[in-house]
Amino acid sequence: MGYRLSDFDFELPPDLIAQVPSAQRSGSRLLHVVGTRLADRAFTDLPSLLRPGDLLVLNDTRVIHARVRAEKSSGGKVELLLERMAGPREAWSQLRASHPPKPGAVLRLPGGAAARVLAREGRFYRLAFDVDADLPAWLARHGEVPLPPYIGRQARREDDARYQTVYARAPGAVAAPTAGLHFDEAMFAALAARGVERAFVTLHVGAGTFQPVQAEDLALHRMHAEWYELPQATVDAVAATRARRGRVVAVGTTSLRALESAALADGTLRAGAAETSLFVTPGFRFRIVDRLLTNFHLPRSTLLMLVSAFAGFDAIRAAYAHAIAARYRFYSYGDALLLERGPGAAGAPG
């Protein structure tokens, strides 16, 4: 079946969009989806839903303070939202201003710093920053946590910790890999006691993750590229998991996209760093991931298309309808789903 953008629309009551995190990281709910069979669980049930020898693959990217207040030389206000790093002191950014600056314009930044507009491509501007440190370090002092647009409040001090996974290591993301926000050290201890192993990828999530799909014909949509790195240790861990007939469980769509982007035709993985613009829609043949832990996603979004490809279109429609009726919390600070790979998604046996 050829799906179109309107097939991925749904109505969500605004009060189900989580505006703050749960009191405890692992205090969220978990909807287990096996085809059209649904089970309401707590996130703390996760170890019991996994088997000894399974492998969790987590994205260890670290969210930078990517939102910056600036001024044009005329005094006009500008808000910068970094989309992705392009070098030690360059980045692609979105700019919000009454009159967008042109290439060559200089923006005044906090602390006496400045940024020059080098180029523009669609919604994004390439900026060169004149700052007194490497860009992530400068942003840590002068930027703000880039909460998603559907969280209708200013970032608070507690967001510095809660909009960040406990295992975040490599700075570069401008949006959190939100499936990982549910994990705390007690959960990792319970998983280890169960015999579940861990491995890591790094994918720096860009602001393009929130950009809406405009074309009704999905074949016309182009994803923004995101940088990722797959360590050899993770390649080896996946191979060992396959050898013992364990299951590869991607924590979040970003981990899944990194793994599937690095997959070769024979189902093995290639270690290294690259950029991915992988766009996963129903019909995609998964080679690596057997199960996916994720949050609930925006209507008409590429991430909703991805989970529909993984678990099955009808399964996801049923899961979302159930979640709305059962008043699950949605989006970044919301509840989680554990998805089994649908029969049409192929891939290696799990």
C-alpha atoms as a PDB file:
ATOM      1  CA  MET A   1       0.000   0.000   0.000  1.00  0.00           C
ATOM      2  CA  GLY A   2       1.295   3.452  -0.883  1.00  0.00           C
ATOM      3  CA  TYR A   3       0.935   5.605   2.218  1.00  0.00           C
ATOM      4  CA  ARG A   4       0.574   9.374   2.060  1.00  0.00           C
ATOM      5  CA  LEU A   5       1.163  12.136   4.593  1.00  0.00           C
ATOM      6  CA  SER A   6      -2.500  12.353   5.613  1.00  0.00           C
ATOM      7  CA  ASP A   7      -2.423   8.667   6.627  1.00  0.00           C
ATOM      8  CA  PHE A   8      -0.210   9.648   9.573  1.00  0.00           C
ATOM      9  CA  ASP A   9      -2.467  12.321  11.021  1.00  0.00           C
ATOM     10  CA  PHE A  10      -4.311  12.024  14.321  1.00  0.00           C
ATOM     11  CA  GLU A  11      -5.931  14.349  16.833  1.00  0.00           C
ATOM     12  CA  LEU A  12      -4.333  14.618  20.255  1.00  0.00           C
ATOM     13  CA  PRO A  13      -5.936  16.460  23.191  1.00  0.00           C
ATOM     14  CA  PRO A  14      -3.474  19.245  24.086  1.00  0.00           C
ATOM     15  CA  ASP A  15      -3.557  18.340  27.765  1.00  0.00           C
ATOM     16  CA  LEU A  16      -1.875  14.994  26.965  1.00  0.00           C
ATOM     17  CA  ILE A  17       1.298  16.747  25.781  1.00  0.00           C
ATOM     18  CA  ALA A  18       3.674  16.427  28.732  1.00  0.00           C
ATOM     19  CA  GLN A  19       4.999  19.834  29.782  1.00  0.00           C
ATOM     20  CA  VAL A  20       7.228  18.567  32.587  1.00  0.00           C
ATOM     21  CA  PRO A  21       9.017  15.247  33.185  1.00  0.00           C
ATOM     22  CA  SER A  22       7.688  12.636  35.576  1.00  0.00           C
ATOM     23  CA  ALA A  23       8.778  13.013  39.198  1.00  0.00           C
ATOM     24  CA  GLN A  24      11.202  10.099  38.749  1.00  0.00           C
ATOM     25  CA  ARG A  25      12.969   9.229  35.492  1.00  0.00           C
ATOM     26  CA  SER A  26      11.693   5.658  35.506  1.00  0.00           C
ATOM     27  CA  GLY A  27       8.278   6.672  36.833  1.00  0.00           C
ATOM     28  CA  SER A  28       6.596   6.772  33.440  1.00  0.00           C
ATOM     29  CA  ARG A  29       4.131   4.315  31.933  1.00  0.00           C
ATOM     30  CA  LEU A  30       5.045   1.786  29.253  1.00  0.00           C
ATOM     31  CA  LEU A  31       2.750   0.516  26.519  1.00  0.00           C
ATOM     32  CA  HIS A  32       3.905  -2.871  25.190  1.00  0.00           C
ATOM     33  CA  VAL A  33       2.811  -3.344  21.584  1.00  0.00           C
ATOM     34  CA  VAL A  34       2.851  -6.820  20.017  1.00  0.00           C
ATOM     35  CA  GLY A  35       0.986  -6.455  16.749  1.00  0.00           C
ATOM     36  CA  THR A  36      -2.479  -5.277  17.725  1.00  0.00           C
ATOM     37  CA  ARG A  37      -2.145  -6.780  21.234  1.00  0.00           C
ATOM     38  CA  LEU A  38      -1.525  -4.049  23.807  1.00  0.00           C
ATOM     39  CA  ALA A  39      -0.450  -4.276  27.433  1.00  0.00           C
ATOM     40  CA  ASP A  40      -0.386  -1.356  29.871  1.00  0.00           C
ATOM     41  CA  ARG A  41       2.762  -1.587  31.971  1.00  0.00           C
ATOM     42  CA  ALA A  42       5.039   0.587  34.090  1.00  0.00           C
ATOM     43  CA  PHE A  43       8.482   1.488  32.773  1.00  0.00           C
ATOM     44  CA  THR A  44       9.967  -0.320  35.765  1.00  0.00           C
ATOM     45  CA  ASP A  45       8.563  -3.539  34.200  1.00  0.00           C
ATOM     46  CA  LEU A  46      11.064  -3.270  31.341  1.00  0.00           C
ATOM     47  CA  PRO A  47      13.580  -5.828  32.703  1.00  0.00           C
ATOM     48  CA  SER A  48      10.849  -8.466  32.875  1.00  0.00           C
ATOM     49  CA  LEU A  49      10.019  -7.835  29.198  1.00  0.00           C
ATOM     50  CA  LEU A  50      13.593  -8.544  28.096  1.00  0.00           C
ATOM     51  CA  ARG A  51      15.581 -11.790  28.098  1.00  0.00           C
ATOM     52  CA  PRO A  52      19.087 -12.583  29.332  1.00  0.00           C
ATOM     53  CA  GLY A  53      21.399 -12.054  26.383  1.00  0.00           C
ATOM     54  CA  ASP A  54      19.389  -9.215  24.853  1.00  0.00           C
ATOM     55  CA  LEU A  55      21.310  -6.064  23.911  1.00  0.00           C
ATOM     56  CA  LEU A  56      20.163  -2.485  24.495  1.00  0.00           C
ATOM     57  CA  VAL A  57      21.703   0.028  22.079  1.00  0.00           C
ATOM     58  CA  LEU A  58      21.569   3.597  23.403  1.00  0.00           C
ATOM     59  CA  ASN A  59      22.467   6.956  21.856  1.00  0.00           C
ATOM     60  CA  ASP A  60      25.053   8.706  24.048  1.00  0.00           C
ATOM     61  CA  THR A  61      24.822  12.113  22.371  1.00  0.00           C
ATOM     62  CA  ARG A  62      24.737  15.081  24.729  1.00  0.00           C
ATOM     63  CA  VAL A  63      22.317  17.987  24.263  1.00  0.00           C
ATOM     64  CA  ILE A  64      24.045  21.364  23.964  1.00  0.00           C
ATOM     65  CA  HIS A  65      22.527  24.698  25.014  1.00  0.00           C
ATOM     66  CA  ALA A  66      21.511  25.364  21.442  1.00  0.00           C
ATOM     67  CA  ARG A  67      19.112  28.316  21.882  1.00  0.00           C
ATOM     68  CA  VAL A  68      20.808  31.732  21.908  1.00  0.00           C
ATOM     69  CA  ARG A  69      19.457  35.299  22.075  1.00  0.00           C
ATOM     70  CA  ALA A  70      21.176  37.694  19.673  1.00  0.00           C
ATOM     71  CA  GLU A  71      20.836  41.137  18.081  1.00  0.00           C
ATOM     72  CA  LYS A  72      21.342  42.484  14.592  1.00  0.00           C
ATOM     73  CA  SER A  73      23.508  45.561  14.125  1.00  0.00           C
ATOM     74  CA  SER A  74      20.260  47.548  13.836  1.00  0.00           C
ATOM     75  CA  GLY A  75      19.275  46.427  17.329  1.00  0.00           C
ATOM     76  CA  GLY A  76      16.608  44.002  16.096  1.00  0.00           C
ATOM     77  CA  LYS A  77      16.160  40.882  18.183  1.00  0.00           C
ATOM     78  CA  VAL A  78      17.129  37.472  16.800  1.00  0.00           C
ATOM     79  CA  GLU A  79      16.709  34.014  18.287  1.00  0.00           C
ATOM     80  CA  LEU A  80      19.183  31.352  17.152  1.00  0.00           C
ATOM     81  CA  LEU A  81      18.472  27.649  17.346  1.00  0.00           C
ATOM     82  CA  LEU A  82      21.442  25.568  16.287  1.00  0.00           C
ATOM     83  CA  GLU A  83      20.443  22.752  13.966  1.00  0.00           C
ATOM     84  CA  ARG A  84      23.776  20.934  13.796  1.00  0.00           C
ATOM     85  CA  MET A  85      27.469  21.579  14.181  1.00  0.00           C
ATOM     86  CA  ALA A  86      29.459  22.185  10.983  1.00  0.00           C
ATOM     87  CA  GLY A  87      32.912  22.584  12.543  1.00  0.00           C
ATOM     88  CA  PRO A  88      34.555  23.677  15.814  1.00  0.00           C
ATOM     89  CA  ARG A  89      33.057  27.183  15.477  1.00  0.00           C
ATOM     90  CA  GLU A  90      30.507  26.860  12.700  1.00  0.00           C
ATOM     91  CA  ALA A  91      26.931  25.595  12.769  1.00  0.00           C
ATOM     92  CA  TRP A  92      23.760  25.443  10.729  1.00  0.00           C
ATOM     93  CA  SER A  93      21.028  27.296  12.609  1.00  0.00           C
ATOM     94  CA  GLN A  94      17.452  28.418  12.395  1.00  0.00           C
ATOM     95  CA  LEU A  95      16.964  32.147  12.934  1.00  0.00           C
ATOM     96  CA  ARG A  96      13.806  33.812  14.182  1.00  0.00           C
ATOM     97  CA  ALA A  97      13.714  37.546  13.376  1.00  0.00           C
ATOM     98  CA  SER A  98      11.261  40.111  11.990  1.00  0.00           C
ATOM     99  CA  HIS A  99      13.592  40.606   9.005  1.00  0.00           C
ATOM    100  CA  PRO A 100      15.967  37.655   8.440  1.00  0.00           C
ATOM    101  CA  PRO A 101      19.619  38.684   8.073  1.00  0.00           C
ATOM    102  CA  LYS A 102      21.408  38.232   4.752  1.00  0.00           C
ATOM    103  CA  PRO A 103      24.774  36.531   4.124  1.00  0.00           C
ATOM    104  CA  GLY A 104      27.554  38.742   5.442  1.00  0.00           C
ATOM    105  CA  ALA A 105      25.475  40.159   8.301  1.00  0.00           C
ATOM    106  CA  VAL A 106      27.007  40.057  11.774  1.00  0.00           C
ATOM    107  CA  LEU A 107      24.932  39.196  14.838  1.00  0.00           C
ATOM    108  CA  ARG A 108      25.864  40.327  18.343  1.00  0.00           C
ATOM    109  CA  LEU A 109      25.875  37.511  20.883  1.00  0.00           C
ATOM    110  CA  PRO A 110      26.028  37.438  24.704  1.00  0.00           C
ATOM    111  CA  GLY A 111      29.393  38.001  26.372  1.00  0.00           C
ATOM    112  CA  GLY A 112      30.769  40.198  23.575  1.00  0.00           C
ATOM    113  CA  ALA A 113      30.787  37.366  21.021  1.00  0.00           C
ATOM    114  CA  ALA A 114      29.525  37.551  17.445  1.00  0.00           C
ATOM    115  CA  ALA A 115      28.338  35.357  14.590  1.00  0.00           C
ATOM    116  CA  ARG A 116      28.594  36.037  10.861  1.00  0.00           C
ATOM    117  CA  VAL A 117      26.001  34.712   8.416  1.00  0.00           C
ATOM    118  CA  LEU A 118      27.882  32.725   5.763  1.00  0.00           C
ATOM    119  CA  ALA A 119      25.060  31.217   3.716  1.00  0.00           C
ATOM    120  CA  ARG A 120      21.416  30.253   3.687  1.00  0.00           C
ATOM    121  CA  GLU A 121      19.769  27.020   2.552  1.00  0.00           C
ATOM    122  CA  GLY A 122      16.002  27.007   2.961  1.00  0.00           C
ATOM    123  CA  ARG A 123      15.155  27.433   6.655  1.00  0.00           C
ATOM    124  CA  PHE A 124      18.756  27.115   7.788  1.00  0.00           C
ATOM    125  CA  TYR A 125      21.664  29.561   8.009  1.00  0.00           C
ATOM    126  CA  ARG A 126      25.328  28.665   8.213  1.00  0.00           C
ATOM    127  CA  LEU A 127      26.980  30.799  10.893  1.00  0.00           C
ATOM    128  CA  ALA A 128      30.628  31.327  11.813  1.00  0.00           C
ATOM    129  CA  PHE A 129      30.997  32.083  15.528  1.00  0.00           C
ATOM    130  CA  ASP A 130      33.622  34.425  16.962  1.00  0.00           C
ATOM    131  CA  VAL A 131      33.679  33.135  20.534  1.00  0.00           C
ATOM    132  CA  ASP A 132      36.309  32.723  23.261  1.00  0.00           C
ATOM    133  CA  ALA A 133      36.100  28.885  23.454  1.00  0.00           C
ATOM    134  CA  ASP A 134      34.989  25.939  21.379  1.00  0.00           C
ATOM    135  CA  LEU A 135      31.344  26.337  20.510  1.00  0.00           C
ATOM    136  CA  PRO A 136      29.793  23.745  22.875  1.00  0.00           C
ATOM    137  CA  ALA A 137      31.726  25.232  25.833  1.00  0.00           C
ATOM    138  CA  TRP A 138      30.633  28.772  24.923  1.00  0.00           C
ATOM    139  CA  LEU A 139      27.024  27.619  24.508  1.00  0.00           C
ATOM    140  CA  ALA A 140      27.121  25.975  27.937  1.00  0.00           C
ATOM    141  CA  ARG A 141      27.721  29.437  29.435  1.00  0.00           C
ATOM    142  CA  HIS A 142      25.505  31.609  27.241  1.00  0.00           C
ATOM    143  CA  GLY A 143      22.867  29.377  25.615  1.00  0.00           C
ATOM    144  CA  GLU A 144      19.638  27.810  26.832  1.00  0.00           C
ATOM    145  CA  VAL A 145      18.286  24.272  26.833  1.00  0.00           C
ATOM    146  CA  PRO A 146      16.430  23.917  23.501  1.00  0.00           C
ATOM    147  CA  LEU A 147      13.109  22.521  24.691  1.00  0.00           C
ATOM    148  CA  PRO A 148      10.884  21.323  21.829  1.00  0.00           C
ATOM    149  CA  PRO A 149       8.309  23.747  20.395  1.00  0.00           C
ATOM    150  CA  TYR A 150       5.356  21.807  21.842  1.00  0.00           C
ATOM    151  CA  ILE A 151       6.549  22.466  25.411  1.00  0.00           C
ATOM    152  CA  GLY A 152       4.899  25.818  25.998  1.00  0.00           C
ATOM    153  CA  ARG A 153       7.189  27.274  28.642  1.00  0.00           C
ATOM    154  CA  GLN A 154      10.689  28.619  29.104  1.00  0.00           C
ATOM    155  CA  ALA A 155      13.454  26.215  30.046  1.00  0.00           C
ATOM    156  CA  ARG A 156      14.040  25.904  33.785  1.00  0.00           C
ATOM    157  CA  ARG A 157      17.092  24.938  35.793  1.00  0.00           C
ATOM    158  CA  GLU A 158      15.834  21.376  36.257  1.00  0.00           C
ATOM    159  CA  ASP A 159      15.620  20.930  32.468  1.00  0.00           C
ATOM    160  CA  ASP A 160      19.432  21.061  32.323  1.00  0.00           C
ATOM    161  CA  ALA A 161      19.430  17.618  33.943  1.00  0.00           C
ATOM    162  CA  ARG A 162      16.081  16.128  32.922  1.00  0.00           C
ATOM    163  CA  TYR A 163      16.312  16.970  29.178  1.00  0.00           C
ATOM    164  CA  GLN A 164      19.512  14.918  29.119  1.00  0.00           C
ATOM    165  CA  THR A 165      20.095  11.194  29.484  1.00  0.00           C
ATOM    166  CA  VAL A 166      22.119  10.006  32.484  1.00  0.00           C
ATOM    167  CA  TYR A 167      24.616   8.433  30.067  1.00  0.00           C
ATOM    168  CA  ALA A 168      25.045  11.459  27.753  1.00  0.00           C
ATOM    169  CA  ARG A 169      28.687  11.760  26.727  1.00  0.00           C
ATOM    170  CA  ALA A 170      29.342  13.379  23.321  1.00  0.00           C
ATOM    171  CA  PRO A 171      28.116  17.002  22.969  1.00  0.00           C
ATOM    172  CA  GLY A 172      26.432  17.911  19.713  1.00  0.00           C
ATOM    173  CA  ALA A 173      22.661  17.252  19.830  1.00  0.00           C
ATOM    174  CA  VAL A 174      20.107  20.046  19.797  1.00  0.00           C
ATOM    175  CA  ALA A 175      17.263  17.721  20.794  1.00  0.00           C
ATOM    176  CA  ALA A 176      17.361  14.886  23.302  1.00  0.00           C
ATOM    177  CA  PRO A 177      17.108  11.215  22.300  1.00  0.00           C
ATOM    178  CA  THR A 178      14.011  11.118  24.457  1.00  0.00           C
ATOM    179  CA  ALA A 179      13.507   7.354  24.816  1.00  0.00           C
ATOM    180  CA  GLY A 180      16.661   7.380  26.918  1.00  0.00           C
ATOM    181  CA  LEU A 181      15.286   9.942  29.379  1.00  0.00           C
ATOM    182  CA  HIS A 182      13.427   7.160  31.229  1.00  0.00           C
ATOM    183  CA  PHE A 183      16.588   5.368  32.346  1.00  0.00           C
ATOM    184  CA  ASP A 184      18.267   5.868  35.712  1.00  0.00           C
ATOM    185  CA  GLU A 185      21.043   3.961  37.450  1.00  0.00           C
ATOM    186  CA  ALA A 186      18.577   1.752  39.339  1.00  0.00           C
ATOM    187  CA  MET A 187      17.044   0.665  36.019  1.00  0.00           C
ATOM    188  CA  PHE A 188      20.460  -0.123  34.557  1.00  0.00           C
ATOM    189  CA  ALA A 189      21.291  -2.184  37.665  1.00  0.00           C
ATOM    190  CA  ALA A 190      18.036  -4.146  37.272  1.00  0.00           C
ATOM    191  CA  LEU A 191      18.749  -4.763  33.581  1.00  0.00           C
ATOM    192  CA  ALA A 192      22.282  -5.944  34.332  1.00  0.00           C
ATOM    193  CA  ALA A 193      20.936  -8.323  36.984  1.00  0.00           C
ATOM    194  CA  ARG A 194      18.570  -9.686  34.344  1.00  0.00           C
ATOM    195  CA  GLY A 195      21.530 -10.375  32.020  1.00  0.00           C
ATOM    196  CA  VAL A 196      20.707  -7.605  29.536  1.00  0.00           C
ATOM    197  CA  GLU A 197      23.778  -5.983  27.992  1.00  0.00           C
ATOM    198  CA  ARG A 198      24.394  -2.421  26.789  1.00  0.00           C
ATOM    199  CA  ALA A 199      26.160  -0.826  23.829  1.00  0.00           C
ATOM    200  CA  PHE A 200      26.244   2.706  22.456  1.00  0.00           C
ATOM    201  CA  VAL A 201      26.022   4.703  19.261  1.00  0.00           C
ATOM    202  CA  THR A 202      26.311   8.463  18.869  1.00  0.00           C
ATOM    203  CA  LEU A 203      23.858  10.345  16.664  1.00  0.00           C
ATOM    204  CA  HIS A 204      23.678  14.114  17.081  1.00  0.00           C
ATOM    205  CA  VAL A 205      19.961  14.875  16.842  1.00  0.00           C
ATOM    206  CA  GLY A 206      19.257  18.007  14.785  1.00  0.00           C
ATOM    207  CA  ALA A 207      16.445  20.526  14.996  1.00  0.00           C
ATOM    208  CA  GLY A 208      15.223  19.138  11.690  1.00  0.00           C
ATOM    209  CA  THR A 209      13.610  16.346  13.724  1.00  0.00           C
ATOM    210  CA  PHE A 210      10.798  18.826  14.492  1.00  0.00           C
ATOM    211  CA  GLN A 211      10.379  20.064  10.912  1.00  0.00           C
ATOM    212  CA  PRO A 212       6.993  19.058   9.482  1.00  0.00           C
ATOM    213  CA  VAL A 213       6.676  16.989   6.342  1.00  0.00           C
ATOM    214  CA  GLN A 214       5.161  19.279   3.703  1.00  0.00           C
ATOM    215  CA  ALA A 215       4.542  16.979   0.733  1.00  0.00           C
ATOM    216  CA  GLU A 216       1.514  14.679   0.648  1.00  0.00           C
ATOM    217  CA  ASP A 217       3.624  12.379  -1.527  1.00  0.00           C
ATOM    218  CA  LEU A 218       6.205  10.996   0.901  1.00  0.00           C
ATOM    219  CA  ALA A 219       8.645  10.309  -1.932  1.00  0.00           C
ATOM    220  CA  LEU A 220       9.151  14.071  -2.246  1.00  0.00           C
ATOM    221  CA  HIS A 221      10.323  14.554   1.349  1.00  0.00           C
ATOM    222  CA  ARG A 222      14.038  14.971   2.047  1.00  0.00           C
ATOM    223  CA  MET A 223      15.495  14.379   5.506  1.00  0.00           C
ATOM    224  CA  HIS A 224      18.125  16.693   6.994  1.00  0.00           C
ATOM    225  CA  ALA A 225      21.410  14.862   7.423  1.00  0.00           C
ATOM    226  CA  GLU A 226      22.581  13.972  10.933  1.00  0.00           C
ATOM    227  CA  TRP A 227      26.065  12.863  11.967  1.00  0.00           C
ATOM    228  CA  TYR A 228      26.493   9.507  13.666  1.00  0.00           C
ATOM    229  CA  GLU A 229      29.270   7.214  14.799  1.00  0.00           C
ATOM    230  CA  LEU A 230      29.084   3.471  15.330  1.00  0.00           C
ATOM    231  CA  PRO A 231      31.957   2.117  17.452  1.00  0.00           C
ATOM    232  CA  GLN A 232      33.582  -1.216  16.642  1.00  0.00           C
ATOM    233  CA  ALA A 233      32.684  -2.343  20.174  1.00  0.00           C
ATOM    234  CA  THR A 234      28.995  -1.964  19.303  1.00  0.00           C
ATOM    235  CA  VAL A 235      29.422  -3.825  16.018  1.00  0.00           C
ATOM    236  CA  ASP A 236      31.033  -6.659  17.984  1.00  0.00           C
ATOM    237  CA  ALA A 237      28.281  -6.566  20.630  1.00  0.00           C
ATOM    238  CA  VAL A 238      25.560  -6.875  17.965  1.00  0.00           C
ATOM    239  CA  ALA A 239      27.393  -9.810  16.350  1.00  0.00           C
ATOM    240  CA  ALA A 240      27.744 -11.547  19.726  1.00  0.00           C
ATOM    241  CA  THR A 241      24.041 -10.970  20.436  1.00  0.00           C
ATOM    242  CA  ARG A 242      23.107 -12.541  17.113  1.00  0.00           C
ATOM    243  CA  ALA A 243      25.387 -15.514  17.805  1.00  0.00           C
ATOM    244  CA  ARG A 244      23.621 -16.275  21.098  1.00  0.00           C
ATOM    245  CA  ARG A 245      20.191 -15.597  19.517  1.00  0.00           C
ATOM    246  CA  GLY A 246      19.557 -12.584  21.670  1.00  0.00           C
ATOM    247  CA  ARG A 247      17.570  -9.583  20.479  1.00  0.00           C
ATOM    248  CA  VAL A 248      18.881  -6.150  19.521  1.00  0.00           C
ATOM    249  CA  VAL A 249      16.742  -3.505  21.243  1.00  0.00           C
ATOM    250  CA  ALA A 250      17.173   0.044  19.964  1.00  0.00           C
ATOM    251  CA  VAL A 251      16.538   2.676  22.616  1.00  0.00           C
ATOM    252  CA  GLY A 252      14.972   5.413  20.535  1.00  0.00           C
ATOM    253  CA  THR A 253      14.517   6.109  16.849  1.00  0.00           C
ATOM    254  CA  THR A 254      17.952   7.752  16.699  1.00  0.00           C
ATOM    255  CA  SER A 255      19.700   4.549  17.781  1.00  0.00           C
ATOM    256  CA  LEU A 256      17.633   2.616  15.235  1.00  0.00           C
ATOM    257  CA  ARG A 257      18.489   5.026  12.408  1.00  0.00           C
ATOM    258  CA  ALA A 258      22.198   4.840  13.226  1.00  0.00           C
ATOM    259  CA  LEU A 259      22.168   1.036  13.272  1.00  0.00           C
ATOM    260  CA  GLU A 260      20.111   0.633  10.117  1.00  0.00           C
ATOM    261  CA  SER A 261      22.140   3.316   8.304  1.00  0.00           C
ATOM    262  CA  ALA A 262      25.325   1.363   9.022  1.00  0.00           C
ATOM    263  CA  ALA A 263      23.829  -1.992   8.003  1.00  0.00           C
ATOM    264  CA  LEU A 264      25.193  -3.855   5.009  1.00  0.00           C
ATOM    265  CA  ALA A 265      23.029  -5.936   2.700  1.00  0.00           C
ATOM    266  CA  ASP A 266      23.989  -9.171   4.479  1.00  0.00           C
ATOM    267  CA  GLY A 267      22.771  -7.863   7.858  1.00  0.00           C
ATOM    268  CA  THR A 268      26.207  -7.086   9.267  1.00  0.00           C
ATOM    269  CA  LEU A 269      27.335  -3.674  10.471  1.00  0.00           C
ATOM    270  CA  ARG A 270      30.102  -1.323   9.387  1.00  0.00           C
ATOM    271  CA  ALA A 271      31.823   0.648  12.157  1.00  0.00           C
ATOM    272  CA  GLY A 272      32.777   4.279  11.658  1.00  0.00           C
ATOM    273  CA  ALA A 273      31.383   7.808  11.347  1.00  0.00           C
ATOM    274  CA  ALA A 274      29.097   9.099   8.609  1.00  0.00           C
ATOM    275  CA  GLU A 275      26.032  11.240   7.975  1.00  0.00           C
ATOM    276  CA  THR A 276      22.595   9.757   7.566  1.00  0.00           C
ATOM    277  CA  SER A 277      19.473  11.097   5.909  1.00  0.00           C
ATOM    278  CA  LEU A 278      17.674   7.764   6.160  1.00  0.00           C
ATOM    279  CA  PHE A 279      13.902   8.190   5.807  1.00  0.00           C
ATOM    280  CA  VAL A 280      12.058   5.109   7.085  1.00  0.00           C
ATOM    281  CA  THR A 281       8.511   4.548   5.860  1.00  0.00           C
ATOM    282  CA  PRO A 282       6.295   1.430   5.729  1.00  0.00           C
ATOM    283  CA  GLY A 283       7.894  -1.168   3.504  1.00  0.00           C
ATOM    284  CA  PHE A 284      11.403  -0.533   4.837  1.00  0.00           C
ATOM    285  CA  ARG A 285      13.366  -3.770   5.412  1.00  0.00           C
ATOM    286  CA  PHE A 286      15.000  -3.702   8.838  1.00  0.00           C
ATOM    287  CA  ARG A 287      18.275  -5.616   9.032  1.00  0.00           C
ATOM    288  CA  ILE A 288      19.501  -5.056  12.600  1.00  0.00           C
ATOM    289  CA  VAL A 289      16.865  -3.997  15.137  1.00  0.00           C
ATOM    290  CA  ASP A 290      14.453  -6.541  16.635  1.00  0.00           C
ATOM    291  CA  ARG A 291      12.646  -4.357  19.182  1.00  0.00           C
ATOM    292  CA  LEU A 292      12.288  -0.602  19.622  1.00  0.00           C
ATOM    293  CA  LEU A 293      11.782   1.391  22.801  1.00  0.00           C
ATOM    294  CA  THR A 294      10.458   4.842  21.955  1.00  0.00           C
ATOM    295  CA  ASN A 295       8.205   7.704  23.036  1.00  0.00           C
ATOM    296  CA  PHE A 296       4.983   8.826  21.349  1.00  0.00           C
ATOM    297  CA  HIS A 297       5.561  10.994  18.276  1.00  0.00           C
ATOM    298  CA  LEU A 298       3.997  13.979  16.551  1.00  0.00           C
ATOM    299  CA  PRO A 299       1.248  13.499  13.966  1.00  0.00           C
ATOM    300  CA  ARG A 300       2.398  13.670  10.333  1.00  0.00           C
ATOM    301  CA  SER A 301       6.028  13.289  11.465  1.00  0.00           C
ATOM    302  CA  THR A 302       8.848  11.185  10.015  1.00  0.00           C
ATOM    303  CA  LEU A 303       9.207   9.461  13.399  1.00  0.00           C
ATOM    304  CA  LEU A 304       5.569   8.326  13.362  1.00  0.00           C
ATOM    305  CA  MET A 305       6.234   6.917   9.888  1.00  0.00           C
ATOM    306  CA  LEU A 306       9.302   5.100  11.216  1.00  0.00           C
ATOM    307  CA  VAL A 307       7.466   3.375  14.070  1.00  0.00           C
ATOM    308  CA  SER A 308       4.629   2.485  11.683  1.00  0.00           C
ATOM    309  CA  ALA A 309       7.195   0.843   9.408  1.00  0.00           C
ATOM    310  CA  PHE A 310       8.677  -1.064  12.337  1.00  0.00           C
ATOM    311  CA  ALA A 311       5.624  -2.305  14.227  1.00  0.00           C
ATOM    312  CA  GLY A 312       3.042  -2.121  11.445  1.00  0.00           C
ATOM    313  CA  PHE A 313       0.707   0.685  10.383  1.00  0.00           C
ATOM    314  CA  ASP A 314      -2.416  -0.861  11.934  1.00  0.00           C
ATOM    315  CA  ALA A 315      -0.551  -1.725  15.142  1.00  0.00           C
ATOM    316  CA  ILE A 316       0.588   1.858  15.641  1.00  0.00           C
ATOM    317  CA  ARG A 317      -2.848   3.304  14.874  1.00  0.00           C
ATOM    318  CA  ALA A 318      -4.364   0.969  17.476  1.00  0.00           C
ATOM    319  CA  ALA A 319      -1.624   1.752  20.004  1.00  0.00           C
ATOM    320  CA  TYR A 320      -2.028   5.526  19.659  1.00  0.00           C
ATOM    321  CA  ALA A 321      -5.823   5.344  19.880  1.00  0.00           C
ATOM    322  CA  HIS A 322      -5.490   3.250  23.044  1.00  0.00           C
ATOM    323  CA  ALA A 323      -2.884   5.609  24.511  1.00  0.00           C
ATOM    324  CA  ILE A 324      -5.125   8.622  23.969  1.00  0.00           C
ATOM    325  CA  ALA A 325      -8.118   6.862  25.535  1.00  0.00           C
ATOM    326  CA  ALA A 326      -5.959   5.697  28.476  1.00  0.00           C
ATOM    327  CA  ARG A 327      -4.466   9.199  28.856  1.00  0.00           C
ATOM    328  CA  TYR A 328      -0.822   8.365  28.330  1.00  0.00           C
ATOM    329  CA  ARG A 329       1.527  11.366  28.336  1.00  0.00           C
ATOM    330  CA  PHE A 330       2.876  12.242  24.906  1.00  0.00           C
ATOM    331  CA  TYR A 331       6.148  13.440  23.353  1.00  0.00           C
ATOM    332  CA  SER A 332       9.566  14.233  24.852  1.00  0.00           C
ATOM    333  CA  TYR A 333       8.670  14.253  28.548  1.00  0.00           C
ATOM    334  CA  GLY A 334       5.911  11.678  28.101  1.00  0.00           C
ATOM    335  CA  ASP A 335       5.483   7.920  28.435  1.00  0.00           C
ATOM    336  CA  ALA A 336       7.120   5.119  26.437  1.00  0.00           C
ATOM    337  CA  LEU A 337       6.265   2.250  24.090  1.00  0.00           C
ATOM    338  CA  LEU A 338       8.052  -1.051  23.622  1.00  0.00           C
ATOM    339  CA  LEU A 339       7.458  -2.198  20.038  1.00  0.00           C
ATOM    340  CA  GLU A 340       7.952  -5.664  18.591  1.00  0.00           C
ATOM    341  CA  ARG A 341       9.030  -5.726  14.957  1.00  0.00           C
ATOM    342  CA  GLY A 342       6.078  -6.456  12.704  1.00  0.00           C
ATOM    343  CA  PRO A 343       6.029  -9.463  10.361  1.00  0.00           C
ATOM    344  CA  GLY A 344       6.317  -7.241   7.277  1.00  0.00           C
ATOM    345  CA  ALA A 345       9.481  -5.502   8.473  1.00  0.00           C
ATOM    346  CA  ALA A 346      11.812  -8.434   7.638  1.00  0.00           C
ATOM    347  CA  GLY A 347      15.348  -8.291   8.998  1.00  0.00           C
ATOM    348  CA  ALA A 348      17.335 -10.864  10.894  1.00  0.00           C
ATOM    349  CA  PRO A 349      15.473 -13.340  13.120  1.00  0.00           C
ATOM    350  CA  GLY A 350      14.875 -12.157  16.675  1.00  0.00           C
END
